[in-house]
Amino acid sequence: MARPTPASARTTYYEDGHAWGEQEPSSVPLAVALFTVQDIALRRDEEKVNNVVRWSDFDRGGHFAAMEAPDLLLGDIREFFAAFR
């Protein structure tokens, strides 16, 4: 099995970010929940093309938040949709 090299991994990320060209801003409300990830650039980039109406940072959980911190995830989802009632 071939192992990815730094160059091939970088190419994948570059192509993913440029394959569709310039994105137009979306008017669809978006909620973001970050579990133990602190990435300032992510928020800046998302707010450029998305209508971010809710941003939540949590101090526990992880990539599998639904299994690792279901109480936090469910509460955040409920609060997001409650605003649209």
N, C-alpha and C. Protein backbone atom coordinates (compact mmCIF):
# COMPACT_ATOMS: atom_id res chain seq x y z
N MET A 1 0.86 -1.18 0.00
CA MET A 1 0.00 0.00 0.00
C MET A 1 0.90 1.24 0.00
N ALA A 2 0.62 2.16 -0.87
CA ALA A 2 1.43 3.38 -0.97
C ALA A 2 1.12 4.31 0.20
N ARG A 3 2.15 4.92 0.70
CA ARG A 3 1.99 5.87 1.79
C ARG A 3 1.95 7.28 1.22
N PRO A 4 1.08 8.13 1.76
CA PRO A 4 1.04 9.50 1.26
C PRO A 4 2.30 10.25 1.70
N THR A 5 2.78 11.07 0.83
CA THR A 5 3.93 11.91 1.15
C THR A 5 3.40 13.30 1.50
N PRO A 6 4.21 14.13 2.12
CA PRO A 6 3.75 15.50 2.40
C PRO A 6 3.30 16.23 1.14
N ALA A 7 3.99 16.01 0.03
CA ALA A 7 3.62 16.69 -1.21
C ALA A 7 2.26 16.22 -1.72
N SER A 8 2.00 14.92 -1.67
CA SER A 8 0.71 14.43 -2.16
C SER A 8 -0.42 14.87 -1.23
N ALA A 9 -0.17 14.91 0.07
CA ALA A 9 -1.18 15.39 0.99
C ALA A 9 -1.48 16.86 0.76
N ARG A 10 -0.45 17.65 0.55
CA ARG A 10 -0.62 19.07 0.29
C ARG A 10 -1.42 19.28 -1.00
N THR A 11 -1.15 18.49 -2.01
CA THR A 11 -1.87 18.59 -3.28
C THR A 11 -3.36 18.31 -3.07
N THR A 12 -3.66 17.33 -2.27
CA THR A 12 -5.06 17.01 -1.99
C THR A 12 -5.78 18.19 -1.36
N TYR A 13 -5.17 18.81 -0.37
CA TYR A 13 -5.79 19.97 0.28
C TYR A 13 -5.91 21.14 -0.68
N TYR A 14 -4.90 21.36 -1.50
CA TYR A 14 -4.94 22.46 -2.47
C TYR A 14 -6.08 22.25 -3.46
N GLU A 15 -6.16 21.05 -4.02
CA GLU A 15 -7.20 20.77 -5.00
C GLU A 15 -8.59 20.86 -4.39
N ASP A 16 -8.73 20.41 -3.16
CA ASP A 16 -10.01 20.48 -2.48
C ASP A 16 -10.45 21.93 -2.31
N GLY A 17 -9.52 22.80 -2.02
CA GLY A 17 -9.86 24.20 -1.80
C GLY A 17 -10.04 25.01 -3.06
N HIS A 18 -9.54 24.51 -4.18
CA HIS A 18 -9.60 25.28 -5.42
C HIS A 18 -10.42 24.62 -6.53
N ALA A 19 -10.92 23.44 -6.30
CA ALA A 19 -11.59 22.69 -7.36
C ALA A 19 -12.86 23.38 -7.85
N TRP A 20 -13.56 24.04 -6.97
CA TRP A 20 -14.85 24.62 -7.35
C TRP A 20 -14.75 26.11 -7.65
N GLY A 21 -13.57 26.66 -7.60
CA GLY A 21 -13.41 28.08 -7.87
C GLY A 21 -13.86 28.93 -6.69
N GLU A 22 -14.11 30.17 -6.96
CA GLU A 22 -14.53 31.11 -5.91
C GLU A 22 -15.95 30.77 -5.45
N GLN A 23 -16.13 30.67 -4.15
CA GLN A 23 -17.45 30.36 -3.62
C GLN A 23 -18.25 31.63 -3.41
N GLU A 24 -19.53 31.56 -3.71
CA GLU A 24 -20.42 32.68 -3.45
C GLU A 24 -20.96 32.54 -2.03
N PRO A 25 -21.16 33.66 -1.35
CA PRO A 25 -21.70 33.60 0.02
C PRO A 25 -23.06 32.91 0.06
N SER A 26 -23.28 32.15 1.10
CA SER A 26 -24.55 31.44 1.28
C SER A 26 -25.42 32.20 2.28
N SER A 27 -26.72 32.18 2.05
CA SER A 27 -27.64 32.83 2.99
C SER A 27 -28.24 31.81 3.97
N VAL A 28 -27.92 30.54 3.81
CA VAL A 28 -28.45 29.49 4.68
C VAL A 28 -27.80 29.61 6.06
N PRO A 29 -28.60 29.66 7.13
CA PRO A 29 -28.03 29.73 8.48
C PRO A 29 -27.18 28.51 8.79
N LEU A 30 -26.03 28.75 9.39
CA LEU A 30 -25.09 27.67 9.71
C LEU A 30 -24.68 27.77 11.17
N ALA A 31 -24.66 26.62 11.83
CA ALA A 31 -24.14 26.54 13.19
C ALA A 31 -22.88 25.69 13.17
N VAL A 32 -21.89 26.11 13.93
CA VAL A 32 -20.63 25.37 14.02
C VAL A 32 -20.38 25.03 15.47
N ALA A 33 -20.05 23.79 15.74
CA ALA A 33 -19.69 23.36 17.08
C ALA A 33 -18.30 22.74 17.02
N LEU A 34 -17.36 23.33 17.73
CA LEU A 34 -15.99 22.81 17.76
C LEU A 34 -15.75 22.15 19.11
N PHE A 35 -15.30 20.93 19.05
CA PHE A 35 -15.03 20.17 20.26
C PHE A 35 -13.53 20.02 20.43
N THR A 36 -12.99 20.75 21.35
CA THR A 36 -11.57 20.77 21.74
C THR A 36 -10.63 21.18 20.60
N VAL A 37 -11.14 21.87 19.61
CA VAL A 37 -10.30 22.36 18.51
C VAL A 37 -10.27 23.88 18.59
N GLN A 38 -9.11 24.43 18.63
CA GLN A 38 -8.97 25.88 18.64
C GLN A 38 -8.31 26.30 17.34
N ASP A 39 -9.11 26.75 16.41
CA ASP A 39 -8.59 27.12 15.09
C ASP A 39 -9.20 28.44 14.67
N ILE A 40 -8.50 29.52 14.92
CA ILE A 40 -9.00 30.86 14.61
C ILE A 40 -9.22 31.03 13.11
N ALA A 41 -8.34 30.48 12.30
CA ALA A 41 -8.45 30.62 10.85
C ALA A 41 -9.72 29.95 10.33
N LEU A 42 -10.14 28.86 10.94
CA LEU A 42 -11.33 28.16 10.50
C LEU A 42 -12.54 29.08 10.59
N ARG A 43 -12.69 29.79 11.68
CA ARG A 43 -13.84 30.68 11.84
C ARG A 43 -13.80 31.79 10.80
N ARG A 44 -12.66 32.39 10.61
CA ARG A 44 -12.53 33.47 9.63
C ARG A 44 -12.90 32.98 8.24
N ASP A 45 -12.41 31.82 7.88
CA ASP A 45 -12.70 31.27 6.56
C ASP A 45 -14.17 30.90 6.38
N GLU A 46 -14.77 30.32 7.40
CA GLU A 46 -16.18 29.95 7.31
C GLU A 46 -17.08 31.17 7.20
N GLU A 47 -16.76 32.22 7.92
CA GLU A 47 -17.60 33.42 7.90
C GLU A 47 -17.51 34.17 6.58
N LYS A 48 -16.50 33.90 5.78
CA LYS A 48 -16.39 34.54 4.47
C LYS A 48 -17.48 34.07 3.52
N VAL A 49 -17.81 32.80 3.56
CA VAL A 49 -18.74 32.23 2.57
C VAL A 49 -20.01 31.64 3.17
N ASN A 50 -20.14 31.64 4.48
CA ASN A 50 -21.32 31.06 5.12
C ASN A 50 -21.99 32.07 6.04
N ASN A 51 -23.27 31.89 6.25
CA ASN A 51 -24.05 32.72 7.15
C ASN A 51 -24.01 32.09 8.55
N VAL A 52 -22.89 32.28 9.23
CA VAL A 52 -22.70 31.66 10.55
C VAL A 52 -23.53 32.44 11.58
N VAL A 53 -24.54 31.77 12.12
CA VAL A 53 -25.41 32.40 13.10
C VAL A 53 -25.15 31.89 14.52
N ARG A 54 -24.39 30.81 14.61
CA ARG A 54 -24.06 30.25 15.93
C ARG A 54 -22.70 29.59 15.85
N TRP A 55 -21.86 29.91 16.82
CA TRP A 55 -20.52 29.31 16.90
C TRP A 55 -20.31 28.88 18.34
N SER A 56 -20.07 27.60 18.54
CA SER A 56 -19.89 27.07 19.90
C SER A 56 -18.55 26.36 20.00
N ASP A 57 -17.80 26.71 21.04
CA ASP A 57 -16.54 26.05 21.36
C ASP A 57 -16.73 25.26 22.65
N PHE A 58 -16.35 24.00 22.62
CA PHE A 58 -16.50 23.14 23.79
C PHE A 58 -15.14 22.66 24.25
N ASP A 59 -15.01 22.44 25.55
CA ASP A 59 -13.72 22.03 26.12
C ASP A 59 -13.58 20.51 26.25
N ARG A 60 -14.61 19.79 25.85
CA ARG A 60 -14.49 18.33 25.83
C ARG A 60 -15.24 17.79 24.63
N GLY A 61 -14.99 16.55 24.33
CA GLY A 61 -15.53 15.95 23.12
C GLY A 61 -14.37 15.73 22.16
N GLY A 62 -14.65 15.64 20.92
CA GLY A 62 -13.60 15.43 19.95
C GLY A 62 -14.20 15.17 18.58
N HIS A 63 -13.47 14.45 17.75
CA HIS A 63 -13.91 14.19 16.38
C HIS A 63 -15.24 13.43 16.36
N PHE A 64 -15.45 12.56 17.31
CA PHE A 64 -16.68 11.80 17.40
C PHE A 64 -17.55 12.36 18.53
N ALA A 65 -17.92 13.61 18.41
CA ALA A 65 -18.64 14.31 19.48
C ALA A 65 -19.94 13.62 19.86
N ALA A 66 -20.63 13.03 18.91
CA ALA A 66 -21.90 12.37 19.21
C ALA A 66 -21.71 11.20 20.18
N MET A 67 -20.52 10.60 20.18
CA MET A 67 -20.24 9.50 21.12
C MET A 67 -19.50 10.00 22.35
N GLU A 68 -18.65 11.02 22.18
CA GLU A 68 -17.79 11.46 23.27
C GLU A 68 -18.45 12.49 24.19
N ALA A 69 -19.33 13.31 23.64
CA ALA A 69 -20.01 14.33 24.44
C ALA A 69 -21.42 14.55 23.89
N PRO A 70 -22.26 13.51 23.90
CA PRO A 70 -23.59 13.64 23.31
C PRO A 70 -24.45 14.71 23.98
N ASP A 71 -24.26 14.92 25.28
CA ASP A 71 -25.05 15.94 25.98
C ASP A 71 -24.75 17.34 25.44
N LEU A 72 -23.49 17.62 25.17
CA LEU A 72 -23.12 18.94 24.64
C LEU A 72 -23.63 19.11 23.21
N LEU A 73 -23.45 18.11 22.39
CA LEU A 73 -23.86 18.19 20.99
C LEU A 73 -25.37 18.33 20.88
N LEU A 74 -26.12 17.51 21.58
CA LEU A 74 -27.58 17.56 21.52
C LEU A 74 -28.10 18.90 22.02
N GLY A 75 -27.54 19.39 23.12
CA GLY A 75 -27.96 20.69 23.64
C GLY A 75 -27.70 21.81 22.65
N ASP A 76 -26.57 21.76 21.98
CA ASP A 76 -26.23 22.79 21.01
C ASP A 76 -27.17 22.73 19.80
N ILE A 77 -27.46 21.54 19.31
CA ILE A 77 -28.38 21.38 18.18
C ILE A 77 -29.77 21.88 18.56
N ARG A 78 -30.23 21.54 19.74
CA ARG A 78 -31.57 21.99 20.18
C ARG A 78 -31.63 23.51 20.28
N GLU A 79 -30.60 24.14 20.83
CA GLU A 79 -30.58 25.60 20.95
C GLU A 79 -30.56 26.26 19.57
N PHE A 80 -29.82 25.70 18.64
CA PHE A 80 -29.77 26.26 17.29
C PHE A 80 -31.15 26.25 16.65
N PHE A 81 -31.83 25.11 16.66
CA PHE A 81 -33.13 25.00 16.00
C PHE A 81 -34.23 25.71 16.77
N ALA A 82 -34.08 25.89 18.07
CA ALA A 82 -35.09 26.62 18.85
C ALA A 82 -35.22 28.06 18.38
N ALA A 83 -34.15 28.62 17.85
CA ALA A 83 -34.18 30.01 17.37
C ALA A 83 -35.06 30.17 16.14
N PHE A 84 -35.40 29.06 15.47
CA PHE A 84 -36.18 29.13 14.24
C PHE A 84 -37.65 28.73 14.44
N ARG A 85 -38.06 28.60 15.67
CA ARG A 85 -39.47 28.25 15.94
C ARG A 85 -40.34 29.45 15.81
